[in-house]
Amino acid sequence: ACQGGGSIRFDEDSKVIVWNVGKLSTQESKAEGTLIYATDPKDGTPKIPSEEKSTAQLAFVIKGWAISGVRLDSCDVTSVNYTTYKASRYTTTAGKIEYRIA
């Protein structure tokens, strides 16, 4: 279960966990999670090799948030014959991050 309106789903075919954390209310918002590996019920040993257990890949998109804190102050559009809509949208995207835990 997720607090704050998010959701967690495990795709059995691709072995991927999809975690939607919901709406982040402020720049200082954070998300935390814990991953517990399946174990053998007889002796409690992990069902996956330790070298696989110590690697996690993470990819994410946060719409409406600039991780750098850089904000657009103004935007001037010239040489057009229509009324422009001056606005900007922020998105933070991580291509692919791999964490290796020793």
C-alpha atoms as a PDB file:
ATOM      1  CA  ALA A   1       0.000   0.000   0.000  1.00  0.00           C
ATOM      2  CA  CYS A   2       1.070   3.603  -0.610  1.00  0.00           C
ATOM      3  CA  GLN A   3       0.432   6.638   1.526  1.00  0.00           C
ATOM      4  CA  GLY A   4      -0.552   9.894  -0.162  1.00  0.00           C
ATOM      5  CA  GLY A   5      -2.455   8.444  -3.118  1.00  0.00           C
ATOM      6  CA  GLY A   6       0.334   6.571  -4.914  1.00  0.00           C
ATOM      7  CA  SER A   7       0.362   2.974  -6.109  1.00  0.00           C
ATOM      8  CA  ILE A   8       2.771   0.053  -6.479  1.00  0.00           C
ATOM      9  CA  ARG A   9       2.463  -2.677  -9.100  1.00  0.00           C
ATOM     10  CA  PHE A  10       4.745  -5.641  -9.826  1.00  0.00           C
ATOM     11  CA  ASP A  11       4.807  -6.902 -13.410  1.00  0.00           C
ATOM     12  CA  GLU A  12       5.482 -10.632 -13.088  1.00  0.00           C
ATOM     13  CA  ASP A  13       6.448 -11.048 -16.783  1.00  0.00           C
ATOM     14  CA  SER A  14       9.126  -8.340 -16.902  1.00  0.00           C
ATOM     15  CA  LYS A  15      10.027  -8.573 -13.174  1.00  0.00           C
ATOM     16  CA  VAL A  16       9.667  -4.778 -12.880  1.00  0.00           C
ATOM     17  CA  ILE A  17       8.175  -2.830  -9.990  1.00  0.00           C
ATOM     18  CA  VAL A  18       6.212   0.250 -11.097  1.00  0.00           C
ATOM     19  CA  TRP A  19       5.850   2.756  -8.273  1.00  0.00           C
ATOM     20  CA  ASN A  20       3.632   5.784  -8.832  1.00  0.00           C
ATOM     21  CA  VAL A  21       4.280   8.068  -5.856  1.00  0.00           C
ATOM     22  CA  GLY A  22       1.360  10.352  -6.683  1.00  0.00           C
ATOM     23  CA  LYS A  23       1.472  14.137  -6.570  1.00  0.00           C
ATOM     24  CA  LEU A  24       4.449  15.779  -4.872  1.00  0.00           C
ATOM     25  CA  SER A  25       3.112  18.741  -2.932  1.00  0.00           C
ATOM     26  CA  THR A  26       6.305  20.804  -2.494  1.00  0.00           C
ATOM     27  CA  GLN A  27       9.944  21.018  -3.657  1.00  0.00           C
ATOM     28  CA  GLU A  28      10.898  19.370  -0.354  1.00  0.00           C
ATOM     29  CA  SER A  29       8.703  16.285  -0.897  1.00  0.00           C
ATOM     30  CA  LYS A  30      10.381  12.892  -0.800  1.00  0.00           C
ATOM     31  CA  ALA A  31       9.578   9.284  -1.579  1.00  0.00           C
ATOM     32  CA  GLU A  32      11.000   6.305   0.260  1.00  0.00           C
ATOM     33  CA  GLY A  33      10.642   2.609  -0.390  1.00  0.00           C
ATOM     34  CA  THR A  34      11.962  -0.728   0.790  1.00  0.00           C
ATOM     35  CA  LEU A  35      12.615  -3.738  -1.407  1.00  0.00           C
ATOM     36  CA  ILE A  36      12.505  -7.140   0.281  1.00  0.00           C
ATOM     37  CA  TYR A  37      13.665 -10.135  -1.726  1.00  0.00           C
ATOM     38  CA  ALA A  38      11.772 -13.417  -1.779  1.00  0.00           C
ATOM     39  CA  THR A  39      13.272 -16.046   0.501  1.00  0.00           C
ATOM     40  CA  ASP A  40      13.016 -19.780   0.816  1.00  0.00           C
ATOM     41  CA  PRO A  41      10.390 -20.448   3.522  1.00  0.00           C
ATOM     42  CA  LYS A  42      12.317 -23.498   4.761  1.00  0.00           C
ATOM     43  CA  ASP A  43      15.634 -21.841   5.662  1.00  0.00           C
ATOM     44  CA  GLY A  44      15.178 -18.095   4.949  1.00  0.00           C
ATOM     45  CA  THR A  45      17.879 -17.927   2.261  1.00  0.00           C
ATOM     46  CA  PRO A  46      17.377 -15.549  -0.707  1.00  0.00           C
ATOM     47  CA  LYS A  47      15.977 -17.125  -3.879  1.00  0.00           C
ATOM     48  CA  ILE A  48      18.266 -15.012  -6.083  1.00  0.00           C
ATOM     49  CA  PRO A  49      22.100 -14.860  -6.250  1.00  0.00           C
ATOM     50  CA  SER A  50      23.747 -12.135  -4.144  1.00  0.00           C
ATOM     51  CA  GLU A  51      25.304 -10.463  -7.221  1.00  0.00           C
ATOM     52  CA  GLU A  52      21.809  -9.874  -8.655  1.00  0.00           C
ATOM     53  CA  LYS A  53      20.432  -8.816  -5.300  1.00  0.00           C
ATOM     54  CA  SER A  54      22.939  -5.969  -4.969  1.00  0.00           C
ATOM     55  CA  THR A  55      21.986  -4.148  -8.202  1.00  0.00           C
ATOM     56  CA  ALA A  56      18.961  -1.919  -8.747  1.00  0.00           C
ATOM     57  CA  GLN A  57      18.110   0.084 -11.864  1.00  0.00           C
ATOM     58  CA  LEU A  58      16.002   3.204 -11.528  1.00  0.00           C
ATOM     59  CA  ALA A  59      14.301   5.374 -14.143  1.00  0.00           C
ATOM     60  CA  PHE A  60      11.882   8.168 -13.314  1.00  0.00           C
ATOM     61  CA  VAL A  61       9.992  11.197 -14.603  1.00  0.00           C
ATOM     62  CA  ILE A  62       8.715  14.004 -12.379  1.00  0.00           C
ATOM     63  CA  LYS A  63       6.389  16.329 -14.262  1.00  0.00           C
ATOM     64  CA  GLY A  64       6.131  19.924 -13.103  1.00  0.00           C
ATOM     65  CA  TRP A  65       9.372  19.846 -11.102  1.00  0.00           C
ATOM     66  CA  ALA A  66      12.890  21.036 -11.962  1.00  0.00           C
ATOM     67  CA  ILE A  67      15.465  19.091  -9.931  1.00  0.00           C
ATOM     68  CA  SER A  68      18.067  21.814 -10.495  1.00  0.00           C
ATOM     69  CA  GLY A  69      15.810  24.498  -9.060  1.00  0.00           C
ATOM     70  CA  VAL A  70      16.335  26.619 -12.211  1.00  0.00           C
ATOM     71  CA  ARG A  71      13.191  28.564 -13.106  1.00  0.00           C
ATOM     72  CA  LEU A  72      12.260  30.554 -16.216  1.00  0.00           C
ATOM     73  CA  ASP A  73      11.688  34.213 -15.281  1.00  0.00           C
ATOM     74  CA  SER A  74      10.477  35.581 -18.616  1.00  0.00           C
ATOM     75  CA  CYS A  75      10.069  34.659 -22.260  1.00  0.00           C
ATOM     76  CA  ASP A  76       9.841  37.143 -25.135  1.00  0.00           C
ATOM     77  CA  VAL A  77       8.361  35.941 -28.427  1.00  0.00           C
ATOM     78  CA  THR A  78       8.836  38.310 -31.359  1.00  0.00           C
ATOM     79  CA  SER A  79       8.084  38.414 -35.088  1.00  0.00           C
ATOM     80  CA  VAL A  80       4.852  36.419 -34.972  1.00  0.00           C
ATOM     81  CA  ASN A  81       1.417  37.479 -36.184  1.00  0.00           C
ATOM     82  CA  TYR A  82      -0.634  35.873 -33.422  1.00  0.00           C
ATOM     83  CA  THR A  83      -1.074  36.208 -29.685  1.00  0.00           C
ATOM     84  CA  THR A  84       1.397  33.973 -27.902  1.00  0.00           C
ATOM     85  CA  TYR A  85       0.759  31.983 -24.777  1.00  0.00           C
ATOM     86  CA  LYS A  86       3.769  32.521 -22.554  1.00  0.00           C
ATOM     87  CA  ALA A  87       4.216  29.652 -20.139  1.00  0.00           C
ATOM     88  CA  SER A  88       6.728  26.975 -19.299  1.00  0.00           C
ATOM     89  CA  ARG A  89       6.486  23.462 -17.926  1.00  0.00           C
ATOM     90  CA  TYR A  90       9.177  21.672 -15.991  1.00  0.00           C
ATOM     91  CA  THR A  91      10.012  17.990 -16.131  1.00  0.00           C
ATOM     92  CA  THR A  92      12.783  16.038 -14.419  1.00  0.00           C
ATOM     93  CA  THR A  93      13.815  12.832 -16.177  1.00  0.00           C
ATOM     94  CA  ALA A  94      16.425  10.220 -15.322  1.00  0.00           C
ATOM     95  CA  GLY A  95      17.512   8.164 -18.287  1.00  0.00           C
ATOM     96  CA  LYS A  96      18.853   5.122 -16.468  1.00  0.00           C
ATOM     97  CA  ILE A  97      20.520   4.981 -13.073  1.00  0.00           C
ATOM     98  CA  GLU A  98      22.090   1.822 -11.707  1.00  0.00           C
ATOM     99  CA  TYR A  99      22.848   1.462  -8.008  1.00  0.00           C
ATOM    100  CA  ARG A 100      25.315  -1.178  -6.870  1.00  0.00           C
ATOM    101  CA  ILE A 101      25.332  -1.975  -3.195  1.00  0.00           C
ATOM    102  CA  ALA A 102      28.466  -3.556  -1.796  1.00  0.00           C
END
